[in-house]
């Protein structure tokens, strides 16, 4: 099989990349099941004619959308936030989490405010959620330690991913409402599907 026939798969760095590789390996699609020490950015599985690109989670959609990768794995939360032009052929059974509103335990009356400062890395989803509920909001985009924002007075509430809720509890925050339940999705470049339909259908069908 020529290099041009290899499937290029973009995976988000971290736990989801290992979960993806383990899922593919369990179905006989790949001989790789771990990302190693995390320093490699490209991993090769020559026996199965695959290349894996390990990149930032929100960049997976861009790689697949622009055709630099044929397939990718990313969370539904990021797909909806950024509205990438990709096919979504399947939901995958890992990466479960939820996008939620959380507020400081000391401010249970936060909903009485009609003008809210919302700290989040999901400005689109957060804006849509609060506008539907009649709030005027100011989005404060943050990309790390979002839980600190309401504790320091930077924001009134946060919108962030929650897995176990332990981080919220440790920072004296209460989860108010779930905006979105998310899990991993397989995504596909439309042009790649048109050009390499048989190979991609075979790969996807083997997953399930």
N, C-alpha and C. Protein backbone atom coordinates (compact mmCIF):
# COMPACT_ATOMS: atom_id res chain seq x y z
N UNK A 1 0.86 -1.20 0.00
CA UNK A 1 0.00 0.00 0.00
C UNK A 1 0.89 1.24 0.00
N UNK A 2 0.64 2.18 -0.84
CA UNK A 2 1.47 3.38 -0.97
C UNK A 2 1.22 4.32 0.19
N UNK A 3 2.16 5.29 0.36
CA UNK A 3 2.01 6.27 1.43
C UNK A 3 0.73 7.07 1.27
N UNK A 4 0.36 7.30 0.01
CA UNK A 4 -0.85 8.10 -0.25
C UNK A 4 -2.11 7.38 0.23
N UNK A 5 -2.03 6.07 0.41
CA UNK A 5 -3.19 5.30 0.84
C UNK A 5 -3.27 5.14 2.36
N UNK A 6 -2.30 5.65 3.06
CA UNK A 6 -2.36 5.60 4.51
C UNK A 6 -3.49 6.49 5.02
N UNK A 7 -4.09 6.07 6.10
CA UNK A 7 -5.06 6.94 6.77
C UNK A 7 -4.33 7.79 7.79
N UNK A 8 -4.63 9.06 7.78
CA UNK A 8 -4.03 10.01 8.71
C UNK A 8 -5.10 10.38 9.74
N UNK A 9 -4.81 10.14 11.01
CA UNK A 9 -5.81 10.30 12.06
C UNK A 9 -5.29 11.28 13.11
N UNK A 10 -6.02 12.37 13.33
CA UNK A 10 -5.65 13.37 14.32
C UNK A 10 -6.29 13.02 15.67
N UNK A 11 -5.48 13.00 16.71
CA UNK A 11 -5.96 12.67 18.05
C UNK A 11 -5.60 13.79 19.01
N UNK A 12 -6.47 14.08 19.98
CA UNK A 12 -6.15 15.10 20.98
C UNK A 12 -5.17 14.56 22.01
N UNK A 13 -4.16 15.34 22.31
CA UNK A 13 -3.18 14.94 23.31
C UNK A 13 -3.88 14.67 24.65
N UNK A 14 -3.28 13.77 25.44
CA UNK A 14 -3.83 13.50 26.76
C UNK A 14 -4.59 12.19 26.81
N UNK A 15 -5.49 12.10 27.78
CA UNK A 15 -6.19 10.86 28.05
C UNK A 15 -6.98 10.37 26.84
N UNK A 16 -7.61 11.28 26.09
CA UNK A 16 -8.45 10.84 24.98
C UNK A 16 -7.65 10.20 23.86
N UNK A 17 -6.38 10.58 23.69
CA UNK A 17 -5.57 9.92 22.66
C UNK A 17 -5.31 8.47 23.04
N UNK A 18 -5.01 8.21 24.30
CA UNK A 18 -4.81 6.83 24.74
C UNK A 18 -6.11 6.03 24.66
N UNK A 19 -7.22 6.65 25.03
CA UNK A 19 -8.51 5.97 24.92
C UNK A 19 -8.83 5.64 23.47
N UNK A 20 -8.50 6.55 22.57
CA UNK A 20 -8.74 6.31 21.14
C UNK A 20 -7.89 5.15 20.64
N UNK A 21 -6.60 5.17 20.97
CA UNK A 21 -5.70 4.11 20.51
C UNK A 21 -6.11 2.75 21.07
N UNK A 22 -6.49 2.73 22.34
CA UNK A 22 -6.94 1.48 22.94
C UNK A 22 -8.20 0.96 22.25
N UNK A 23 -9.09 1.87 21.91
CA UNK A 23 -10.33 1.48 21.23
C UNK A 23 -10.03 0.91 19.85
N UNK A 24 -9.15 1.57 19.09
CA UNK A 24 -8.78 1.07 17.77
C UNK A 24 -8.07 -0.29 17.87
N UNK A 25 -7.15 -0.41 18.85
CA UNK A 25 -6.39 -1.65 19.01
C UNK A 25 -7.30 -2.82 19.38
N UNK A 26 -8.29 -2.56 20.22
CA UNK A 26 -9.21 -3.62 20.65
C UNK A 26 -10.02 -4.17 19.49
N UNK A 27 -10.15 -3.40 18.43
CA UNK A 27 -10.90 -3.83 17.26
C UNK A 27 -9.99 -4.27 16.11
N UNK A 28 -8.71 -4.42 16.42
CA UNK A 28 -7.77 -4.92 15.43
C UNK A 28 -7.40 -3.93 14.35
N UNK A 29 -7.68 -2.66 14.59
CA UNK A 29 -7.40 -1.64 13.57
C UNK A 29 -6.01 -1.04 13.70
N UNK A 30 -5.38 -1.22 14.85
CA UNK A 30 -4.07 -0.62 15.09
C UNK A 30 -3.28 -1.48 16.05
N UNK A 31 -1.96 -1.44 15.89
CA UNK A 31 -1.08 -2.14 16.82
C UNK A 31 -0.63 -1.24 17.96
N UNK A 32 -1.01 0.03 17.91
CA UNK A 32 -0.61 0.99 18.94
C UNK A 32 -1.73 1.15 19.95
N UNK A 33 -1.38 1.17 21.24
CA UNK A 33 -2.40 1.34 22.27
C UNK A 33 -2.04 2.42 23.28
N UNK A 34 -0.84 2.99 23.19
CA UNK A 34 -0.41 4.05 24.09
C UNK A 34 0.39 5.08 23.31
N UNK A 35 0.38 6.31 23.82
CA UNK A 35 1.12 7.37 23.14
C UNK A 35 2.56 7.48 23.61
N UNK A 36 2.98 6.65 24.54
CA UNK A 36 4.36 6.69 25.01
C UNK A 36 4.60 7.82 25.99
N UNK A 37 5.75 8.48 25.87
CA UNK A 37 6.13 9.51 26.85
C UNK A 37 5.54 10.88 26.54
N UNK A 38 4.75 10.97 25.47
CA UNK A 38 4.08 12.23 25.17
C UNK A 38 4.91 13.20 24.35
N UNK A 39 6.13 12.84 23.99
CA UNK A 39 6.98 13.74 23.22
C UNK A 39 6.77 13.62 21.72
N UNK A 40 6.38 12.43 21.28
CA UNK A 40 6.14 12.24 19.85
C UNK A 40 4.88 12.97 19.41
N UNK A 41 4.96 13.61 18.28
CA UNK A 41 3.79 14.29 17.72
C UNK A 41 3.17 13.51 16.57
N UNK A 42 3.95 12.62 15.95
CA UNK A 42 3.45 11.74 14.90
C UNK A 42 3.85 10.31 15.25
N UNK A 43 2.88 9.42 15.22
CA UNK A 43 3.13 8.01 15.49
C UNK A 43 2.73 7.20 14.25
N UNK A 44 3.56 6.23 13.91
CA UNK A 44 3.35 5.45 12.70
C UNK A 44 2.98 4.00 13.05
N UNK A 45 1.94 3.52 12.40
CA UNK A 45 1.58 2.10 12.49
C UNK A 45 1.64 1.56 11.06
N UNK A 46 2.84 1.17 10.64
CA UNK A 46 3.04 0.75 9.26
C UNK A 46 2.29 -0.53 8.93
N UNK A 47 2.13 -1.40 9.93
CA UNK A 47 1.45 -2.68 9.68
C UNK A 47 -0.01 -2.47 9.28
N UNK A 48 -0.62 -1.40 9.81
CA UNK A 48 -2.03 -1.12 9.50
C UNK A 48 -2.19 0.10 8.61
N UNK A 49 -1.08 0.64 8.12
CA UNK A 49 -1.10 1.78 7.18
C UNK A 49 -1.81 2.99 7.79
N UNK A 50 -1.36 3.35 9.01
CA UNK A 50 -1.95 4.48 9.72
C UNK A 50 -0.87 5.43 10.19
N UNK A 51 -1.21 6.72 10.22
CA UNK A 51 -0.40 7.73 10.87
C UNK A 51 -1.30 8.45 11.87
N UNK A 52 -0.79 8.64 13.07
CA UNK A 52 -1.53 9.36 14.10
C UNK A 52 -0.82 10.66 14.42
N UNK A 53 -1.59 11.77 14.42
CA UNK A 53 -1.06 13.08 14.77
C UNK A 53 -1.58 13.45 16.15
N UNK A 54 -0.70 13.75 17.09
CA UNK A 54 -1.08 14.11 18.45
C UNK A 54 -1.02 15.63 18.59
N UNK A 55 -2.19 16.26 18.72
CA UNK A 55 -2.27 17.71 18.68
C UNK A 55 -3.24 18.21 19.75
N UNK A 56 -3.32 19.50 19.92
CA UNK A 56 -4.26 20.09 20.88
C UNK A 56 -5.68 19.71 20.51
N UNK A 57 -6.50 19.48 21.52
CA UNK A 57 -7.85 18.97 21.29
C UNK A 57 -8.66 19.85 20.35
N UNK A 58 -8.61 21.15 20.52
CA UNK A 58 -9.44 22.01 19.67
C UNK A 58 -8.87 22.18 18.27
N UNK A 59 -7.61 21.76 18.05
CA UNK A 59 -7.01 21.84 16.72
C UNK A 59 -7.34 20.63 15.86
N UNK A 60 -7.86 19.56 16.47
CA UNK A 60 -8.18 18.35 15.70
C UNK A 60 -9.16 18.68 14.59
N UNK A 61 -10.19 19.46 14.91
CA UNK A 61 -11.19 19.83 13.91
C UNK A 61 -10.60 20.58 12.74
N UNK A 62 -9.65 21.46 13.00
CA UNK A 62 -9.01 22.23 11.92
C UNK A 62 -8.19 21.32 11.01
N UNK A 63 -7.45 20.37 11.59
CA UNK A 63 -6.65 19.44 10.80
C UNK A 63 -7.54 18.62 9.87
N UNK A 64 -8.67 18.14 10.39
CA UNK A 64 -9.56 17.32 9.58
C UNK A 64 -10.31 18.18 8.57
N UNK A 65 -10.79 19.33 9.00
CA UNK A 65 -11.52 20.22 8.09
C UNK A 65 -10.66 20.63 6.89
N UNK A 66 -9.39 20.93 7.14
CA UNK A 66 -8.51 21.41 6.08
C UNK A 66 -7.85 20.29 5.28
N UNK A 67 -8.11 19.04 5.65
CA UNK A 67 -7.58 17.92 4.88
C UNK A 67 -6.19 17.48 5.25
N UNK A 68 -5.61 18.03 6.31
CA UNK A 68 -4.30 17.57 6.77
C UNK A 68 -4.40 16.21 7.43
N UNK A 69 -5.60 15.86 7.90
CA UNK A 69 -5.89 14.53 8.43
C UNK A 69 -7.19 14.04 7.80
N UNK A 70 -7.27 12.72 7.59
CA UNK A 70 -8.49 12.14 7.02
C UNK A 70 -9.57 11.97 8.07
N UNK A 71 -9.16 11.58 9.26
CA UNK A 71 -10.06 11.30 10.37
C UNK A 71 -9.55 12.00 11.61
N UNK A 72 -10.41 12.11 12.60
CA UNK A 72 -10.00 12.67 13.88
C UNK A 72 -10.94 12.22 14.97
N UNK A 73 -10.50 12.43 16.20
CA UNK A 73 -11.33 12.16 17.37
C UNK A 73 -11.35 13.43 18.20
N UNK A 74 -12.55 13.92 18.51
CA UNK A 74 -12.64 15.09 19.38
C UNK A 74 -13.98 15.09 20.10
N UNK A 75 -14.06 15.88 21.16
CA UNK A 75 -15.27 15.93 21.96
C UNK A 75 -16.39 16.68 21.26
N UNK A 76 -17.62 16.25 21.55
CA UNK A 76 -18.79 16.93 20.99
C UNK A 76 -18.82 18.39 21.40
N UNK A 77 -18.34 18.71 22.60
CA UNK A 77 -18.35 20.09 23.08
C UNK A 77 -17.57 21.01 22.15
N UNK A 78 -16.40 20.58 21.71
CA UNK A 78 -15.58 21.41 20.82
C UNK A 78 -16.15 21.45 19.41
N UNK A 79 -16.75 20.36 18.97
CA UNK A 79 -17.38 20.35 17.65
C UNK A 79 -18.50 21.38 17.57
N UNK A 80 -19.32 21.44 18.61
CA UNK A 80 -20.43 22.38 18.62
C UNK A 80 -19.96 23.82 18.84
N UNK A 81 -18.92 23.98 19.62
CA UNK A 81 -18.41 25.33 19.87
C UNK A 81 -17.83 25.96 18.61
N UNK A 82 -17.10 25.16 17.82
CA UNK A 82 -16.37 25.73 16.68
C UNK A 82 -17.02 25.45 15.33
N UNK A 83 -18.02 24.58 15.29
CA UNK A 83 -18.80 24.36 14.06
C UNK A 83 -17.92 24.03 12.86
N UNK A 84 -17.06 23.05 13.01
CA UNK A 84 -16.16 22.64 11.93
C UNK A 84 -16.96 21.99 10.79
N UNK A 85 -16.48 22.17 9.57
CA UNK A 85 -17.12 21.59 8.39
C UNK A 85 -16.56 20.18 8.17
N UNK A 86 -17.08 19.23 8.92
CA UNK A 86 -16.64 17.84 8.85
C UNK A 86 -17.85 16.92 8.94
N UNK A 87 -17.67 15.68 8.50
CA UNK A 87 -18.67 14.66 8.74
C UNK A 87 -18.46 14.09 10.13
N UNK A 88 -19.55 13.66 10.76
CA UNK A 88 -19.47 13.03 12.09
C UNK A 88 -20.14 11.67 11.98
N UNK A 89 -19.40 10.64 11.55
CA UNK A 89 -20.02 9.35 11.28
C UNK A 89 -20.35 8.52 12.50
N UNK A 90 -19.75 8.83 13.66
CA UNK A 90 -19.98 7.94 14.80
C UNK A 90 -19.67 8.62 16.13
N UNK A 91 -20.45 8.25 17.15
CA UNK A 91 -20.11 8.56 18.54
C UNK A 91 -19.24 7.43 19.07
N UNK A 92 -18.29 7.77 19.91
CA UNK A 92 -17.36 6.78 20.47
C UNK A 92 -17.63 6.61 21.96
N UNK A 93 -17.41 5.42 22.50
CA UNK A 93 -17.81 5.13 23.88
C UNK A 93 -16.79 5.52 24.94
N UNK A 94 -16.27 6.73 24.86
CA UNK A 94 -15.34 7.23 25.88
C UNK A 94 -15.34 8.75 25.82
N UNK A 95 -14.60 9.35 26.73
CA UNK A 95 -14.52 10.81 26.76
C UNK A 95 -15.74 11.49 27.35
N UNK A 96 -16.49 10.75 28.20
CA UNK A 96 -17.72 11.34 28.75
C UNK A 96 -17.41 12.48 29.72
N UNK A 97 -18.10 13.57 29.56
CA UNK A 97 -18.02 14.71 30.47
C UNK A 97 -19.25 15.58 30.22
N UNK A 98 -19.33 16.70 30.90
CA UNK A 98 -20.47 17.59 30.71
C UNK A 98 -20.01 19.04 30.78
N UNK A 99 -20.67 19.87 29.99
CA UNK A 99 -20.40 21.31 30.02
C UNK A 99 -21.45 21.93 30.93
N UNK A 100 -20.99 22.58 32.00
CA UNK A 100 -21.92 23.03 33.03
C UNK A 100 -21.66 24.47 33.45
N UNK A 101 -22.70 25.05 34.03
CA UNK A 101 -22.59 26.35 34.72
C UNK A 101 -22.27 26.07 36.17
N UNK A 102 -21.32 26.82 36.72
CA UNK A 102 -21.00 26.68 38.14
C UNK A 102 -20.81 28.06 38.75
N UNK A 103 -21.14 28.17 40.03
CA UNK A 103 -21.07 29.45 40.73
C UNK A 103 -20.45 29.25 42.11
N UNK A 104 -19.96 30.31 42.75
CA UNK A 104 -19.38 30.18 44.10
C UNK A 104 -20.45 29.78 45.12
N UNK A 105 -20.09 28.90 46.03
CA UNK A 105 -21.03 28.47 47.06
C UNK A 105 -21.63 29.65 47.82
N UNK A 106 -20.83 30.72 47.96
CA UNK A 106 -21.28 31.87 48.74
C UNK A 106 -22.25 32.78 47.97
N UNK A 107 -22.48 32.48 46.68
CA UNK A 107 -23.35 33.33 45.87
C UNK A 107 -24.48 32.55 45.21
N UNK A 108 -25.33 31.90 46.00
CA UNK A 108 -26.44 31.14 45.41
C UNK A 108 -27.49 32.03 44.75
N UNK A 109 -27.40 33.34 45.01
CA UNK A 109 -28.38 34.27 44.43
C UNK A 109 -27.92 34.87 43.10
N UNK A 110 -26.94 34.25 42.47
CA UNK A 110 -26.35 34.83 41.26
C UNK A 110 -27.37 35.04 40.15
N UNK A 111 -28.42 34.24 40.11
CA UNK A 111 -29.40 34.36 39.03
C UNK A 111 -30.24 35.63 39.12
N UNK A 112 -30.18 36.32 40.24
CA UNK A 112 -30.91 37.58 40.37
C UNK A 112 -30.26 38.69 39.55
N UNK A 113 -29.00 38.50 39.22
CA UNK A 113 -28.32 39.49 38.38
C UNK A 113 -28.73 39.29 36.94
N UNK A 114 -29.00 40.36 36.24
CA UNK A 114 -29.35 40.26 34.83
C UNK A 114 -28.15 40.53 33.94
N UNK A 115 -27.10 41.09 34.52
CA UNK A 115 -25.86 41.32 33.77
C UNK A 115 -24.77 40.46 34.40
N UNK A 116 -24.38 39.44 33.71
CA UNK A 116 -23.45 38.46 34.26
C UNK A 116 -22.10 38.51 33.55
N UNK A 117 -21.06 38.31 34.33
CA UNK A 117 -19.73 38.09 33.77
C UNK A 117 -19.48 36.59 33.81
N UNK A 118 -19.24 36.02 32.64
CA UNK A 118 -19.12 34.57 32.51
C UNK A 118 -17.72 34.22 32.01
N UNK A 119 -16.97 33.48 32.82
CA UNK A 119 -15.64 33.03 32.42
C UNK A 119 -15.75 31.65 31.77
N UNK A 120 -15.15 31.50 30.60
CA UNK A 120 -15.28 30.24 29.88
C UNK A 120 -14.31 30.18 28.72
N UNK A 121 -14.05 28.96 28.24
CA UNK A 121 -13.37 28.79 26.95
C UNK A 121 -14.36 28.33 25.88
N UNK A 122 -15.64 28.46 26.19
CA UNK A 122 -16.72 28.11 25.26
C UNK A 122 -17.63 29.34 25.06
N UNK A 123 -17.12 30.40 24.45
CA UNK A 123 -17.92 31.63 24.34
C UNK A 123 -19.21 31.45 23.54
N UNK A 124 -19.17 30.65 22.48
CA UNK A 124 -20.37 30.48 21.65
C UNK A 124 -21.46 29.74 22.42
N UNK A 125 -21.13 28.61 22.99
CA UNK A 125 -22.13 27.81 23.72
C UNK A 125 -22.64 28.54 24.96
N UNK A 126 -21.74 29.23 25.65
CA UNK A 126 -22.15 29.97 26.86
C UNK A 126 -23.08 31.12 26.50
N UNK A 127 -22.75 31.87 25.44
CA UNK A 127 -23.58 32.99 25.03
C UNK A 127 -24.97 32.51 24.62
N UNK A 128 -25.02 31.45 23.84
CA UNK A 128 -26.31 30.90 23.40
C UNK A 128 -27.16 30.46 24.59
N UNK A 129 -26.53 29.82 25.56
CA UNK A 129 -27.26 29.32 26.74
C UNK A 129 -27.86 30.47 27.55
N UNK A 130 -27.06 31.47 27.86
CA UNK A 130 -27.54 32.55 28.73
C UNK A 130 -28.51 33.48 28.00
N UNK A 131 -28.31 33.73 26.74
CA UNK A 131 -29.24 34.58 26.01
C UNK A 131 -30.62 33.95 25.93
N UNK A 132 -30.67 32.63 25.78
CA UNK A 132 -31.97 31.96 25.75
C UNK A 132 -32.72 32.13 27.07
N UNK A 133 -31.98 32.40 28.13
CA UNK A 133 -32.58 32.56 29.45
C UNK A 133 -32.73 34.01 29.87
N UNK A 134 -32.50 34.92 28.94
CA UNK A 134 -32.78 36.31 29.19
C UNK A 134 -31.71 37.08 29.93
N UNK A 135 -30.51 36.54 30.04
CA UNK A 135 -29.42 37.26 30.71
C UNK A 135 -28.64 38.11 29.72
N UNK A 136 -28.20 39.26 30.18
CA UNK A 136 -27.18 40.02 29.47
C UNK A 136 -25.83 39.57 30.03
N UNK A 137 -24.92 39.19 29.17
CA UNK A 137 -23.66 38.65 29.69
C UNK A 137 -22.46 39.32 29.04
N UNK A 138 -21.37 39.26 29.77
CA UNK A 138 -20.06 39.64 29.22
C UNK A 138 -19.18 38.42 29.34
N UNK A 139 -18.73 37.93 28.21
CA UNK A 139 -17.87 36.74 28.19
C UNK A 139 -16.43 37.13 28.49
N UNK A 140 -15.82 36.40 29.39
CA UNK A 140 -14.39 36.55 29.68
C UNK A 140 -13.73 35.24 29.27
N UNK A 141 -13.01 35.26 28.17
CA UNK A 141 -12.41 34.03 27.67
C UNK A 141 -11.12 33.70 28.42
N UNK A 142 -11.11 32.54 29.02
CA UNK A 142 -9.94 32.03 29.74
C UNK A 142 -9.65 30.63 29.24
N UNK A 143 -8.40 30.21 29.36
CA UNK A 143 -8.03 28.88 28.86
C UNK A 143 -7.25 28.07 29.88
N UNK A 144 -7.35 28.43 31.13
CA UNK A 144 -6.73 27.65 32.19
C UNK A 144 -7.18 28.16 33.54
N UNK A 145 -7.32 27.23 34.51
CA UNK A 145 -7.72 27.58 35.89
C UNK A 145 -8.97 28.46 35.91
N UNK A 146 -9.96 28.08 35.15
CA UNK A 146 -11.19 28.87 35.05
C UNK A 146 -11.91 28.94 36.39
N UNK A 147 -11.73 27.91 37.23
CA UNK A 147 -12.42 27.87 38.52
C UNK A 147 -12.05 29.05 39.42
N UNK A 148 -10.89 29.63 39.19
CA UNK A 148 -10.44 30.74 40.05
C UNK A 148 -11.21 32.03 39.75
N UNK A 149 -11.72 32.16 38.54
CA UNK A 149 -12.31 33.43 38.10
C UNK A 149 -13.37 33.99 39.04
N UNK A 150 -14.38 33.22 39.47
CA UNK A 150 -15.37 33.80 40.38
C UNK A 150 -14.86 33.99 41.80
N UNK A 151 -13.82 33.27 42.16
CA UNK A 151 -13.27 33.39 43.52
C UNK A 151 -12.45 34.66 43.69
N UNK A 152 -11.98 35.20 42.57
CA UNK A 152 -11.16 36.42 42.62
C UNK A 152 -11.95 37.66 42.19
N UNK A 153 -13.24 37.47 41.86
CA UNK A 153 -14.05 38.59 41.44
C UNK A 153 -13.98 38.91 39.97
N UNK A 154 -13.25 38.08 39.20
CA UNK A 154 -13.15 38.33 37.77
C UNK A 154 -14.47 38.03 37.05
N UNK A 155 -15.20 37.03 37.54
CA UNK A 155 -16.46 36.61 36.91
C UNK A 155 -17.48 36.25 37.98
N UNK A 156 -18.74 36.24 37.58
CA UNK A 156 -19.81 35.82 38.49
C UNK A 156 -19.99 34.31 38.48
N UNK A 157 -19.89 33.73 37.28
CA UNK A 157 -20.05 32.28 37.12
C UNK A 157 -19.06 31.79 36.07
N UNK A 158 -18.94 30.48 35.97
CA UNK A 158 -18.12 29.90 34.92
C UNK A 158 -18.94 28.91 34.11
N UNK A 159 -18.52 28.67 32.89
CA UNK A 159 -19.02 27.58 32.06
C UNK A 159 -17.81 26.76 31.68
N UNK A 160 -17.79 25.50 32.13
CA UNK A 160 -16.59 24.70 31.91
C UNK A 160 -16.96 23.22 31.88
N UNK A 161 -16.01 22.40 31.39
CA UNK A 161 -16.22 20.96 31.39
C UNK A 161 -16.08 20.41 32.79
N UNK A 162 -16.95 19.47 33.12
CA UNK A 162 -16.93 18.80 34.41
C UNK A 162 -16.90 17.31 34.16
N UNK A 163 -16.03 16.63 34.89
CA UNK A 163 -15.98 15.17 34.79
C UNK A 163 -16.52 14.55 36.07
N UNK A 164 -15.75 14.65 37.14
CA UNK A 164 -16.20 14.10 38.43
C UNK A 164 -16.81 15.16 39.34
N UNK A 165 -16.49 16.42 39.10
CA UNK A 165 -16.94 17.49 39.98
C UNK A 165 -16.00 17.77 41.13
N UNK A 166 -14.91 17.01 41.24
CA UNK A 166 -13.98 17.16 42.36
C UNK A 166 -13.29 18.52 42.35
N UNK A 167 -12.93 19.02 41.17
CA UNK A 167 -12.25 20.32 41.09
C UNK A 167 -13.18 21.44 41.51
N UNK A 168 -14.45 21.36 41.12
CA UNK A 168 -15.42 22.37 41.55
C UNK A 168 -15.55 22.36 43.07
N UNK A 169 -15.69 21.19 43.63
CA UNK A 169 -15.85 21.07 45.08
C UNK A 169 -14.63 21.61 45.82
N UNK A 170 -13.45 21.30 45.31
CA UNK A 170 -12.21 21.75 45.95
C UNK A 170 -12.09 23.26 45.95
N UNK A 171 -12.72 23.92 44.96
CA UNK A 171 -12.65 25.37 44.84
C UNK A 171 -13.94 26.06 45.27
N UNK A 172 -14.77 25.31 46.04
CA UNK A 172 -16.00 25.86 46.65
C UNK A 172 -16.95 26.43 45.60
N UNK A 173 -17.14 25.64 44.55
CA UNK A 173 -18.07 26.00 43.49
C UNK A 173 -19.19 24.95 43.42
N UNK A 174 -20.36 25.40 43.05
CA UNK A 174 -21.52 24.52 42.91
C UNK A 174 -21.91 24.42 41.45
N UNK A 175 -22.14 23.20 40.99
CA UNK A 175 -22.60 22.99 39.62
C UNK A 175 -24.09 23.29 39.56
N UNK A 176 -24.45 24.29 38.75
CA UNK A 176 -25.84 24.74 38.69
C UNK A 176 -26.67 23.93 37.70
N UNK A 177 -26.19 23.86 36.47
CA UNK A 177 -26.99 23.20 35.43
C UNK A 177 -26.08 22.69 34.33
N UNK A 178 -26.46 21.57 33.76
CA UNK A 178 -25.71 21.00 32.64
C UNK A 178 -26.21 21.61 31.33
N UNK A 179 -25.30 22.21 30.60
CA UNK A 179 -25.63 22.77 29.29
C UNK A 179 -25.61 21.69 28.22
N UNK A 180 -24.62 20.79 28.32
CA UNK A 180 -24.40 19.81 27.26
C UNK A 180 -23.69 18.59 27.83
N UNK A 181 -24.17 17.40 27.49
CA UNK A 181 -23.44 16.18 27.79
C UNK A 181 -22.58 15.84 26.58
N UNK A 182 -21.32 15.61 26.82
CA UNK A 182 -20.37 15.42 25.73
C UNK A 182 -19.67 14.07 25.84
N UNK A 183 -19.24 13.57 24.70
CA UNK A 183 -18.36 12.40 24.64
C UNK A 183 -17.58 12.50 23.33
N UNK A 184 -16.70 11.56 23.10
CA UNK A 184 -15.86 11.60 21.90
C UNK A 184 -16.67 11.31 20.64
N UNK A 185 -16.26 11.95 19.55
CA UNK A 185 -16.85 11.72 18.24
C UNK A 185 -15.75 11.43 17.23
N UNK A 186 -16.03 10.53 16.31
CA UNK A 186 -15.16 10.32 15.17
C UNK A 186 -15.56 11.34 14.11
N UNK A 187 -14.60 12.06 13.56
CA UNK A 187 -14.91 13.04 12.52
C UNK A 187 -14.11 12.71 11.26
N UNK A 188 -14.62 13.18 10.14
CA UNK A 188 -14.11 12.75 8.84
C UNK A 188 -14.08 13.93 7.87
N UNK A 189 -13.00 14.02 7.12
CA UNK A 189 -12.89 15.05 6.08
C UNK A 189 -13.77 14.69 4.89
N UNK A 190 -14.68 15.57 4.46
CA UNK A 190 -15.59 15.23 3.36
C UNK A 190 -14.88 14.88 2.05
N UNK A 191 -13.82 15.59 1.73
CA UNK A 191 -13.10 15.30 0.49
C UNK A 191 -12.40 13.95 0.54
N UNK A 192 -11.83 13.62 1.70
CA UNK A 192 -11.19 12.32 1.86
C UNK A 192 -12.21 11.20 1.68
N UNK A 193 -13.41 11.43 2.18
CA UNK A 193 -14.45 10.41 2.04
C UNK A 193 -14.83 10.21 0.58
N UNK A 194 -14.87 11.28 -0.17
CA UNK A 194 -15.20 11.19 -1.59
C UNK A 194 -14.11 10.45 -2.37
N UNK A 195 -12.85 10.67 -2.00
CA UNK A 195 -11.74 10.10 -2.75
C UNK A 195 -11.37 8.69 -2.29
N UNK A 196 -11.63 8.39 -1.02
CA UNK A 196 -11.16 7.12 -0.46
C UNK A 196 -12.29 6.43 0.30
N UNK A 197 -13.43 6.44 -0.31
CA UNK A 197 -14.65 5.97 0.33
C UNK A 197 -14.54 4.54 0.84
N UNK A 198 -14.05 3.63 0.01
CA UNK A 198 -14.02 2.21 0.40
C UNK A 198 -13.13 1.98 1.61
N UNK A 199 -11.95 2.60 1.60
CA UNK A 199 -10.99 2.43 2.73
C UNK A 199 -11.58 2.99 4.01
N UNK A 200 -12.21 4.14 3.94
CA UNK A 200 -12.76 4.78 5.14
C UNK A 200 -13.99 4.04 5.65
N UNK A 201 -14.84 3.59 4.76
CA UNK A 201 -16.01 2.82 5.21
C UNK A 201 -15.58 1.54 5.90
N UNK A 202 -14.57 0.89 5.36
CA UNK A 202 -14.06 -0.34 5.98
C UNK A 202 -13.54 -0.06 7.39
N UNK A 203 -12.81 1.04 7.54
CA UNK A 203 -12.27 1.40 8.86
C UNK A 203 -13.41 1.68 9.84
N UNK A 204 -14.37 2.49 9.43
CA UNK A 204 -15.46 2.88 10.31
C UNK A 204 -16.34 1.68 10.66
N UNK A 205 -16.62 0.84 9.67
CA UNK A 205 -17.47 -0.34 9.95
C UNK A 205 -16.81 -1.28 10.94
N UNK A 206 -15.49 -1.38 10.90
CA UNK A 206 -14.78 -2.27 11.82
C UNK A 206 -14.85 -1.78 13.26
N UNK A 207 -15.03 -0.49 13.43
CA UNK A 207 -15.15 0.07 14.79
C UNK A 207 -16.36 -0.48 15.52
N UNK A 208 -17.41 -0.81 14.77
CA UNK A 208 -18.67 -1.19 15.40
C UNK A 208 -19.17 -2.54 14.87
